[in-house]
Amino acid sequence: MKHLLLGFAALALSGCFSEENRIYTVDELMADEALLAKITSECRNNPGALRQTPNCQNAGAADWKLRLERMNRALGG
């Protein structure tokens, strides 16, 4: 009976962690530009609450890296 209750508790808690709570790495965001645009837009729409979150910080770093890569390619590098 105890194991059954623990199983139900684990199942119930697993629903608490959705994809929205996931923290994306800079590399993941650089690889998926649609996701990067979505997160960047959310961060810009609510900077007071989201600016210091890991996803917003990683999105800013990914955006910066992608811009540098594009500039480097444009300059023939």
PDB file of N, CA and C in Angstrom:
ATOM      1  N   MET A   1       0.819  -1.194   0.000  1.00  0.00           N
ATOM      2  CA  MET A   1       0.000   0.000   0.000  1.00  0.00           C
ATOM      3  C   MET A   1       0.865   1.261   0.000  1.00  0.00           C
ATOM      4  N   LYS A   2       1.965   1.224   0.784  1.00  0.00           N
ATOM      5  CA  LYS A   2       2.857   2.378   0.838  1.00  0.00           C
ATOM      6  C   LYS A   2       3.456   2.671  -0.535  1.00  0.00           C
ATOM      7  N   HIS A   3       3.834   1.613  -1.239  1.00  0.00           N
ATOM      8  CA  HIS A   3       4.455   1.784  -2.555  1.00  0.00           C
ATOM      9  C   HIS A   3       3.464   2.372  -3.550  1.00  0.00           C
ATOM     10  N   LEU A   4       2.217   1.976  -3.417  1.00  0.00           N
ATOM     11  CA  LEU A   4       1.191   2.500  -4.304  1.00  0.00           C
ATOM     12  C   LEU A   4       0.998   3.999  -4.064  1.00  0.00           C
ATOM     13  N   LEU A   5       0.979   4.405  -2.813  1.00  0.00           N
ATOM     14  CA  LEU A   5       0.848   5.824  -2.492  1.00  0.00           C
ATOM     15  C   LEU A   5       2.055   6.624  -2.981  1.00  0.00           C
ATOM     16  N   LEU A   6       3.245   6.066  -2.835  1.00  0.00           N
ATOM     17  CA  LEU A   6       4.439   6.747  -3.323  1.00  0.00           C
ATOM     18  C   LEU A   6       4.406   6.879  -4.846  1.00  0.00           C
ATOM     19  N   GLY A   7       3.892   5.863  -5.516  1.00  0.00           N
ATOM     20  CA  GLY A   7       3.768   5.913  -6.970  1.00  0.00           C
ATOM     21  C   GLY A   7       2.813   7.009  -7.402  1.00  0.00           C
ATOM     22  N   PHE A   8       1.682   7.124  -6.730  1.00  0.00           N
ATOM     23  CA  PHE A   8       0.722   8.183  -7.050  1.00  0.00           C
ATOM     24  C   PHE A   8       1.302   9.566  -6.771  1.00  0.00           C
ATOM     25  N   ALA A   9       2.028   9.693  -5.675  1.00  0.00           N
ATOM     26  CA  ALA A   9       2.638  10.980  -5.340  1.00  0.00           C
ATOM     27  C   ALA A   9       3.671  11.373  -6.397  1.00  0.00           C
ATOM     28  N   ALA A  10       4.473  10.423  -6.828  1.00  0.00           N
ATOM     29  CA  ALA A  10       5.480  10.713  -7.860  1.00  0.00           C
ATOM     30  C   ALA A  10       4.814  11.102  -9.171  1.00  0.00           C
ATOM     31  N   LEU A  11       3.745  10.422  -9.511  1.00  0.00           N
ATOM     32  CA  LEU A  11       3.022  10.725 -10.740  1.00  0.00           C
ATOM     33  C   LEU A  11       2.399  12.118 -10.675  1.00  0.00           C
ATOM     34  N   ALA A  12       1.840  12.461  -9.536  1.00  0.00           N
ATOM     35  CA  ALA A  12       1.219  13.767  -9.367  1.00  0.00           C
ATOM     36  C   ALA A  12       2.260  14.878  -9.448  1.00  0.00           C
ATOM     37  N   LEU A  13       3.424  14.679  -8.839  1.00  0.00           N
ATOM     38  CA  LEU A  13       4.474  15.690  -8.861  1.00  0.00           C
ATOM     39  C   LEU A  13       5.100  15.835 -10.239  1.00  0.00           C
ATOM     40  N   SER A  14       5.100  14.783 -11.023  1.00  0.00           N
ATOM     41  CA  SER A  14       5.709  14.875 -12.350  1.00  0.00           C
ATOM     42  C   SER A  14       4.934  15.839 -13.243  1.00  0.00           C
ATOM     43  N   GLY A  15       3.667  16.040 -12.967  1.00  0.00           N
ATOM     44  CA  GLY A  15       2.869  16.989 -13.733  1.00  0.00           C
ATOM     45  C   GLY A  15       3.168  18.432 -13.392  1.00  0.00           C
ATOM     46  N   CYS A  16       3.876  18.674 -12.302  1.00  0.00           N
ATOM     47  CA  CYS A  16       4.191  20.031 -11.892  1.00  0.00           C
ATOM     48  C   CYS A  16       5.289  20.662 -12.735  1.00  0.00           C
ATOM     49  N   PHE A  17       6.098  19.856 -13.368  1.00  0.00           N
ATOM     50  CA  PHE A  17       7.226  20.361 -14.135  1.00  0.00           C
ATOM     51  C   PHE A  17       6.901  20.282 -15.610  1.00  0.00           C
ATOM     52  N   SER A  18       6.522  21.399 -16.169  1.00  0.00           N
ATOM     53  CA  SER A  18       6.141  21.438 -17.577  1.00  0.00           C
ATOM     54  C   SER A  18       7.315  21.902 -18.423  1.00  0.00           C
ATOM     55  N   GLU A  19       7.119  21.928 -19.713  1.00  0.00           N
ATOM     56  CA  GLU A  19       8.143  22.371 -20.646  1.00  0.00           C
ATOM     57  C   GLU A  19       8.441  23.859 -20.451  1.00  0.00           C
ATOM     58  N   GLU A  20       7.480  24.623 -19.959  1.00  0.00           N
ATOM     59  CA  GLU A  20       7.697  26.048 -19.742  1.00  0.00           C
ATOM     60  C   GLU A  20       8.710  26.308 -18.638  1.00  0.00           C
ATOM     61  N   ASN A  21       8.857  25.400 -17.688  1.00  0.00           N
ATOM     62  CA  ASN A  21       9.789  25.575 -16.581  1.00  0.00           C
ATOM     63  C   ASN A  21      11.193  25.119 -16.935  1.00  0.00           C
ATOM     64  N   ARG A  22      11.362  24.573 -18.110  1.00  0.00           N
ATOM     65  CA  ARG A  22      12.653  24.044 -18.522  1.00  0.00           C
ATOM     66  C   ARG A  22      13.620  25.190 -18.784  1.00  0.00           C
ATOM     67  N   ILE A  23      14.847  25.010 -18.369  1.00  0.00           N
ATOM     68  CA  ILE A  23      15.887  25.997 -18.637  1.00  0.00           C
ATOM     69  C   ILE A  23      16.684  25.508 -19.839  1.00  0.00           C
ATOM     70  N   TYR A  24      16.696  26.328 -20.886  1.00  0.00           N
ATOM     71  CA  TYR A  24      17.397  25.985 -22.119  1.00  0.00           C
ATOM     72  C   TYR A  24      18.819  26.529 -22.074  1.00  0.00           C
ATOM     73  N   THR A  25      19.746  25.776 -22.651  1.00  0.00           N
ATOM     74  CA  THR A  25      21.125  26.231 -22.720  1.00  0.00           C
ATOM     75  C   THR A  25      21.286  27.185 -23.898  1.00  0.00           C
ATOM     76  N   VAL A  26      22.394  27.897 -23.913  1.00  0.00           N
ATOM     77  CA  VAL A  26      22.680  28.827 -25.004  1.00  0.00           C
ATOM     78  C   VAL A  26      22.764  28.063 -26.325  1.00  0.00           C
ATOM     79  N   ASP A  27      23.409  26.902 -26.310  1.00  0.00           N
ATOM     80  CA  ASP A  27      23.542  26.105 -27.533  1.00  0.00           C
ATOM     81  C   ASP A  27      22.190  25.616 -28.048  1.00  0.00           C
ATOM     82  N   GLU A  28      21.302  25.215 -27.145  1.00  0.00           N
ATOM     83  CA  GLU A  28      19.960  24.783 -27.567  1.00  0.00           C
ATOM     84  C   GLU A  28      19.203  25.934 -28.217  1.00  0.00           C
ATOM     85  N   LEU A  29      19.329  27.108 -27.643  1.00  0.00           N
ATOM     86  CA  LEU A  29      18.633  28.272 -28.188  1.00  0.00           C
ATOM     87  C   LEU A  29      19.227  28.715 -29.518  1.00  0.00           C
ATOM     88  N   MET A  30      20.533  28.575 -29.676  1.00  0.00           N
ATOM     89  CA  MET A  30      21.160  28.929 -30.949  1.00  0.00           C
ATOM     90  C   MET A  30      20.721  27.966 -32.052  1.00  0.00           C
ATOM     91  N   ALA A  31      20.492  26.716 -31.690  1.00  0.00           N
ATOM     92  CA  ALA A  31      20.090  25.715 -32.675  1.00  0.00           C
ATOM     93  C   ALA A  31      18.623  25.849 -33.074  1.00  0.00           C
ATOM     94  N   ASP A  32      17.795  26.404 -32.202  1.00  0.00           N
ATOM     95  CA  ASP A  32      16.358  26.533 -32.474  1.00  0.00           C
ATOM     96  C   ASP A  32      15.979  28.012 -32.437  1.00  0.00           C
ATOM     97  N   GLU A  33      16.075  28.675 -33.577  1.00  0.00           N
ATOM     98  CA  GLU A  33      15.860  30.118 -33.621  1.00  0.00           C
ATOM     99  C   GLU A  33      14.404  30.507 -33.359  1.00  0.00           C
ATOM    100  N   ALA A  34      13.463  29.610 -33.646  1.00  0.00           N
ATOM    101  CA  ALA A  34      12.057  29.897 -33.342  1.00  0.00           C
ATOM    102  C   ALA A  34      11.852  29.955 -31.823  1.00  0.00           C
ATOM    103  N   LEU A  35      12.450  29.015 -31.119  1.00  0.00           N
ATOM    104  CA  LEU A  35      12.363  29.012 -29.655  1.00  0.00           C
ATOM    105  C   LEU A  35      13.078  30.234 -29.083  1.00  0.00           C
ATOM    106  N   LEU A  36      14.214  30.576 -29.659  1.00  0.00           N
ATOM    107  CA  LEU A  36      14.947  31.757 -29.218  1.00  0.00           C
ATOM    108  C   LEU A  36      14.095  33.013 -29.390  1.00  0.00           C
ATOM    109  N   ALA A  37      13.424  33.132 -30.526  1.00  0.00           N
ATOM    110  CA  ALA A  37      12.569  34.297 -30.773  1.00  0.00           C
ATOM    111  C   ALA A  37      11.410  34.351 -29.786  1.00  0.00           C
ATOM    112  N   LYS A  38      10.832  33.193 -29.472  1.00  0.00           N
ATOM    113  CA  LYS A  38       9.707  33.134 -28.524  1.00  0.00           C
ATOM    114  C   LYS A  38      10.149  33.584 -27.134  1.00  0.00           C
ATOM    115  N   ILE A  39      11.262  33.040 -26.670  1.00  0.00           N
ATOM    116  CA  ILE A  39      11.739  33.387 -25.325  1.00  0.00           C
ATOM    117  C   ILE A  39      12.173  34.850 -25.268  1.00  0.00           C
ATOM    118  N   THR A  40      12.856  35.319 -26.307  1.00  0.00           N
ATOM    119  CA  THR A  40      13.287  36.712 -26.352  1.00  0.00           C
ATOM    120  C   THR A  40      12.088  37.653 -26.314  1.00  0.00           C
ATOM    121  N   SER A  41      11.049  37.310 -27.050  1.00  0.00           N
ATOM    122  CA  SER A  41       9.836  38.129 -27.064  1.00  0.00           C
ATOM    123  C   SER A  41       9.186  38.172 -25.684  1.00  0.00           C
ATOM    124  N   GLU A  42       9.090  37.016 -25.030  1.00  0.00           N
ATOM    125  CA  GLU A  42       8.505  36.974 -23.681  1.00  0.00           C
ATOM    126  C   GLU A  42       9.323  37.822 -22.713  1.00  0.00           C
ATOM    127  N   CYS A  43      10.634  37.751 -22.836  1.00  0.00           N
ATOM    128  CA  CYS A  43      11.504  38.506 -21.932  1.00  0.00           C
ATOM    129  C   CYS A  43      11.371  40.010 -22.162  1.00  0.00           C
ATOM    130  N   ARG A  44      11.231  40.404 -23.405  1.00  0.00           N
ATOM    131  CA  ARG A  44      11.092  41.832 -23.713  1.00  0.00           C
ATOM    132  C   ARG A  44       9.723  42.365 -23.317  1.00  0.00           C
ATOM    133  N   ASN A  45       8.708  41.498 -23.334  1.00  0.00           N
ATOM    134  CA  ASN A  45       7.365  41.931 -22.956  1.00  0.00           C
ATOM    135  C   ASN A  45       7.199  42.093 -21.447  1.00  0.00           C
ATOM    136  N   ASN A  46       8.049  41.454 -20.664  1.00  0.00           N
ATOM    137  CA  ASN A  46       7.934  41.534 -19.211  1.00  0.00           C
ATOM    138  C   ASN A  46       9.336  41.581 -18.591  1.00  0.00           C
ATOM    139  N   PRO A  47      10.099  42.624 -18.866  1.00  0.00           N
ATOM    140  CA  PRO A  47      11.486  42.654 -18.401  1.00  0.00           C
ATOM    141  C   PRO A  47      11.631  42.741 -16.887  1.00  0.00           C
ATOM    142  N   GLY A  48      10.686  43.369 -16.221  1.00  0.00           N
ATOM    143  CA  GLY A  48      10.797  43.502 -14.769  1.00  0.00           C
ATOM    144  C   GLY A  48      10.767  42.173 -14.052  1.00  0.00           C
ATOM    145  N   ALA A  49       9.936  41.267 -14.523  1.00  0.00           N
ATOM    146  CA  ALA A  49       9.794  39.975 -13.862  1.00  0.00           C
ATOM    147  C   ALA A  49      10.720  38.910 -14.433  1.00  0.00           C
ATOM    148  N   LEU A  50      11.072  39.034 -15.709  1.00  0.00           N
ATOM    149  CA  LEU A  50      11.795  37.936 -16.358  1.00  0.00           C
ATOM    150  C   LEU A  50      13.264  38.217 -16.665  1.00  0.00           C
ATOM    151  N   ARG A  51      13.686  39.445 -16.559  1.00  0.00           N
ATOM    152  CA  ARG A  51      15.035  39.811 -17.005  1.00  0.00           C
ATOM    153  C   ARG A  51      16.130  38.948 -16.391  1.00  0.00           C
ATOM    154  N   GLN A  52      16.014  38.631 -15.127  1.00  0.00           N
ATOM    155  CA  GLN A  52      17.077  37.895 -14.439  1.00  0.00           C
ATOM    156  C   GLN A  52      16.879  36.384 -14.440  1.00  0.00           C
ATOM    157  N   THR A  53      15.880  35.880 -15.167  1.00  0.00           N
ATOM    158  CA  THR A  53      15.667  34.435 -15.205  1.00  0.00           C
ATOM    159  C   THR A  53      16.730  33.786 -16.085  1.00  0.00           C
ATOM    160  N   PRO A  54      17.056  32.535 -15.818  1.00  0.00           N
ATOM    161  CA  PRO A  54      18.089  31.851 -16.617  1.00  0.00           C
ATOM    162  C   PRO A  54      17.760  31.797 -18.108  1.00  0.00           C
ATOM    163  N   ASN A  55      16.502  31.561 -18.453  1.00  0.00           N
ATOM    164  CA  ASN A  55      16.156  31.480 -19.874  1.00  0.00           C
ATOM    165  C   ASN A  55      16.352  32.822 -20.577  1.00  0.00           C
ATOM    166  N   CYS A  56      16.010  33.920 -19.922  1.00  0.00           N
ATOM    167  CA  CYS A  56      16.199  35.232 -20.541  1.00  0.00           C
ATOM    168  C   CYS A  56      17.684  35.557 -20.667  1.00  0.00           C
ATOM    169  N   GLN A  57      18.450  35.216 -19.677  1.00  0.00           N
ATOM    170  CA  GLN A  57      19.891  35.454 -19.743  1.00  0.00           C
ATOM    171  C   GLN A  57      20.521  34.606 -20.850  1.00  0.00           C
ATOM    172  N   ASN A  58      20.120  33.335 -20.938  1.00  0.00           N
ATOM    173  CA  ASN A  58      20.652  32.455 -21.978  1.00  0.00           C
ATOM    174  C   ASN A  58      20.189  32.893 -23.366  1.00  0.00           C
ATOM    175  N   ALA A  59      18.953  33.383 -23.465  1.00  0.00           N
ATOM    176  CA  ALA A  59      18.451  33.864 -24.751  1.00  0.00           C
ATOM    177  C   ALA A  59      19.236  35.096 -25.197  1.00  0.00           C
ATOM    178  N   GLY A  60      19.552  35.975 -24.280  1.00  0.00           N
ATOM    179  CA  GLY A  60      20.355  37.144 -24.622  1.00  0.00           C
ATOM    180  C   GLY A  60      21.749  36.747 -25.103  1.00  0.00           C
ATOM    181  N   ALA A  61      22.355  35.785 -24.424  1.00  0.00           N
ATOM    182  CA  ALA A  61      23.687  35.319 -24.825  1.00  0.00           C
ATOM    183  C   ALA A  61      23.631  34.626 -26.188  1.00  0.00           C
ATOM    184  N   ALA A  62      22.600  33.820 -26.412  1.00  0.00           N
ATOM    185  CA  ALA A  62      22.459  33.122 -27.695  1.00  0.00           C
ATOM    186  C   ALA A  62      22.234  34.115 -28.826  1.00  0.00           C
ATOM    187  N   ASP A  63      21.412  35.112 -28.580  1.00  0.00           N
ATOM    188  CA  ASP A  63      21.150  36.130 -29.592  1.00  0.00           C
ATOM    189  C   ASP A  63      22.440  36.875 -29.934  1.00  0.00           C
ATOM    190  N   TRP A  64      23.206  37.215 -28.930  1.00  0.00           N
ATOM    191  CA  TRP A  64      24.467  37.921 -29.136  1.00  0.00           C
ATOM    192  C   TRP A  64      25.436  37.067 -29.959  1.00  0.00           C
ATOM    193  N   LYS A  65      25.550  35.789 -29.609  1.00  0.00           N
ATOM    194  CA  LYS A  65      26.456  34.899 -30.331  1.00  0.00           C
ATOM    195  C   LYS A  65      26.035  34.743 -31.794  1.00  0.00           C
ATOM    196  N   LEU A  66      24.736  34.601 -32.028  1.00  0.00           N
ATOM    197  CA  LEU A  66      24.248  34.460 -33.402  1.00  0.00           C
ATOM    198  C   LEU A  66      24.523  35.729 -34.208  1.00  0.00           C
ATOM    199  N   ARG A  67      24.346  36.886 -33.593  1.00  0.00           N
ATOM    200  CA  ARG A  67      24.639  38.142 -34.285  1.00  0.00           C
ATOM    201  C   ARG A  67      26.122  38.246 -34.645  1.00  0.00           C
ATOM    202  N   LEU A  68      26.988  37.854 -33.716  1.00  0.00           N
ATOM    203  CA  LEU A  68      28.420  37.882 -33.996  1.00  0.00           C
ATOM    204  C   LEU A  68      28.793  36.930 -35.123  1.00  0.00           C
ATOM    205  N   GLU A  69      28.184  35.730 -35.121  1.00  0.00           N
ATOM    206  CA  GLU A  69      28.441  34.773 -36.197  1.00  0.00           C
ATOM    207  C   GLU A  69      28.002  35.331 -37.545  1.00  0.00           C
ATOM    208  N   ARG A  70      26.831  35.965 -37.582  1.00  0.00           N
ATOM    209  CA  ARG A  70      26.331  36.543 -38.842  1.00  0.00           C
ATOM    210  C   ARG A  70      27.230  37.676 -39.319  1.00  0.00           C
ATOM    211  N   MET A  71      27.672  38.530 -38.402  1.00  0.00           N
ATOM    212  CA  MET A  71      28.569  39.623 -38.786  1.00  0.00           C
ATOM    213  C   MET A  71      29.884  39.070 -39.312  1.00  0.00           C
ATOM    214  N   ASN A  72      30.405  38.048 -38.666  1.00  0.00           N
ATOM    215  CA  ASN A  72      31.658  37.440 -39.089  1.00  0.00           C
ATOM    216  C   ASN A  72      31.534  36.866 -40.501  1.00  0.00           C
ATOM    217  N   ARG A  73      30.404  36.182 -40.776  1.00  0.00           N
ATOM    218  CA  ARG A  73      30.175  35.632 -42.119  1.00  0.00           C
ATOM    219  C   ARG A  73      30.028  36.755 -43.149  1.00  0.00           C
ATOM    220  N   ALA A  74      29.339  37.820 -42.776  1.00  0.00           N
ATOM    221  CA  ALA A  74      29.124  38.938 -43.702  1.00  0.00           C
ATOM    222  C   ALA A  74      30.441  39.633 -44.053  1.00  0.00           C
ATOM    223  N   LEU A  75      31.367  39.612 -43.112  1.00  0.00           N
ATOM    224  CA  LEU A  75      32.657  40.253 -43.346  1.00  0.00           C
ATOM    225  C   LEU A  75      33.666  39.309 -44.008  1.00  0.00           C
ATOM    226  N   GLY A  76      33.200  38.095 -44.322  1.00  0.00           N
ATOM    227  CA  GLY A  76      34.065  37.135 -45.008  1.00  0.00           C
ATOM    228  C   GLY A  76      34.925  36.309 -44.099  1.00  0.00           C
ATOM    229  N   GLY A  77      34.574  36.243 -42.825  1.00  0.00           N
ATOM    230  CA  GLY A  77      35.389  35.501 -41.863  1.00  0.00           C
ATOM    231  C   GLY A  77      34.959  34.120 -41.626  1.00  0.00           C
TER     232      GLY A  77
END
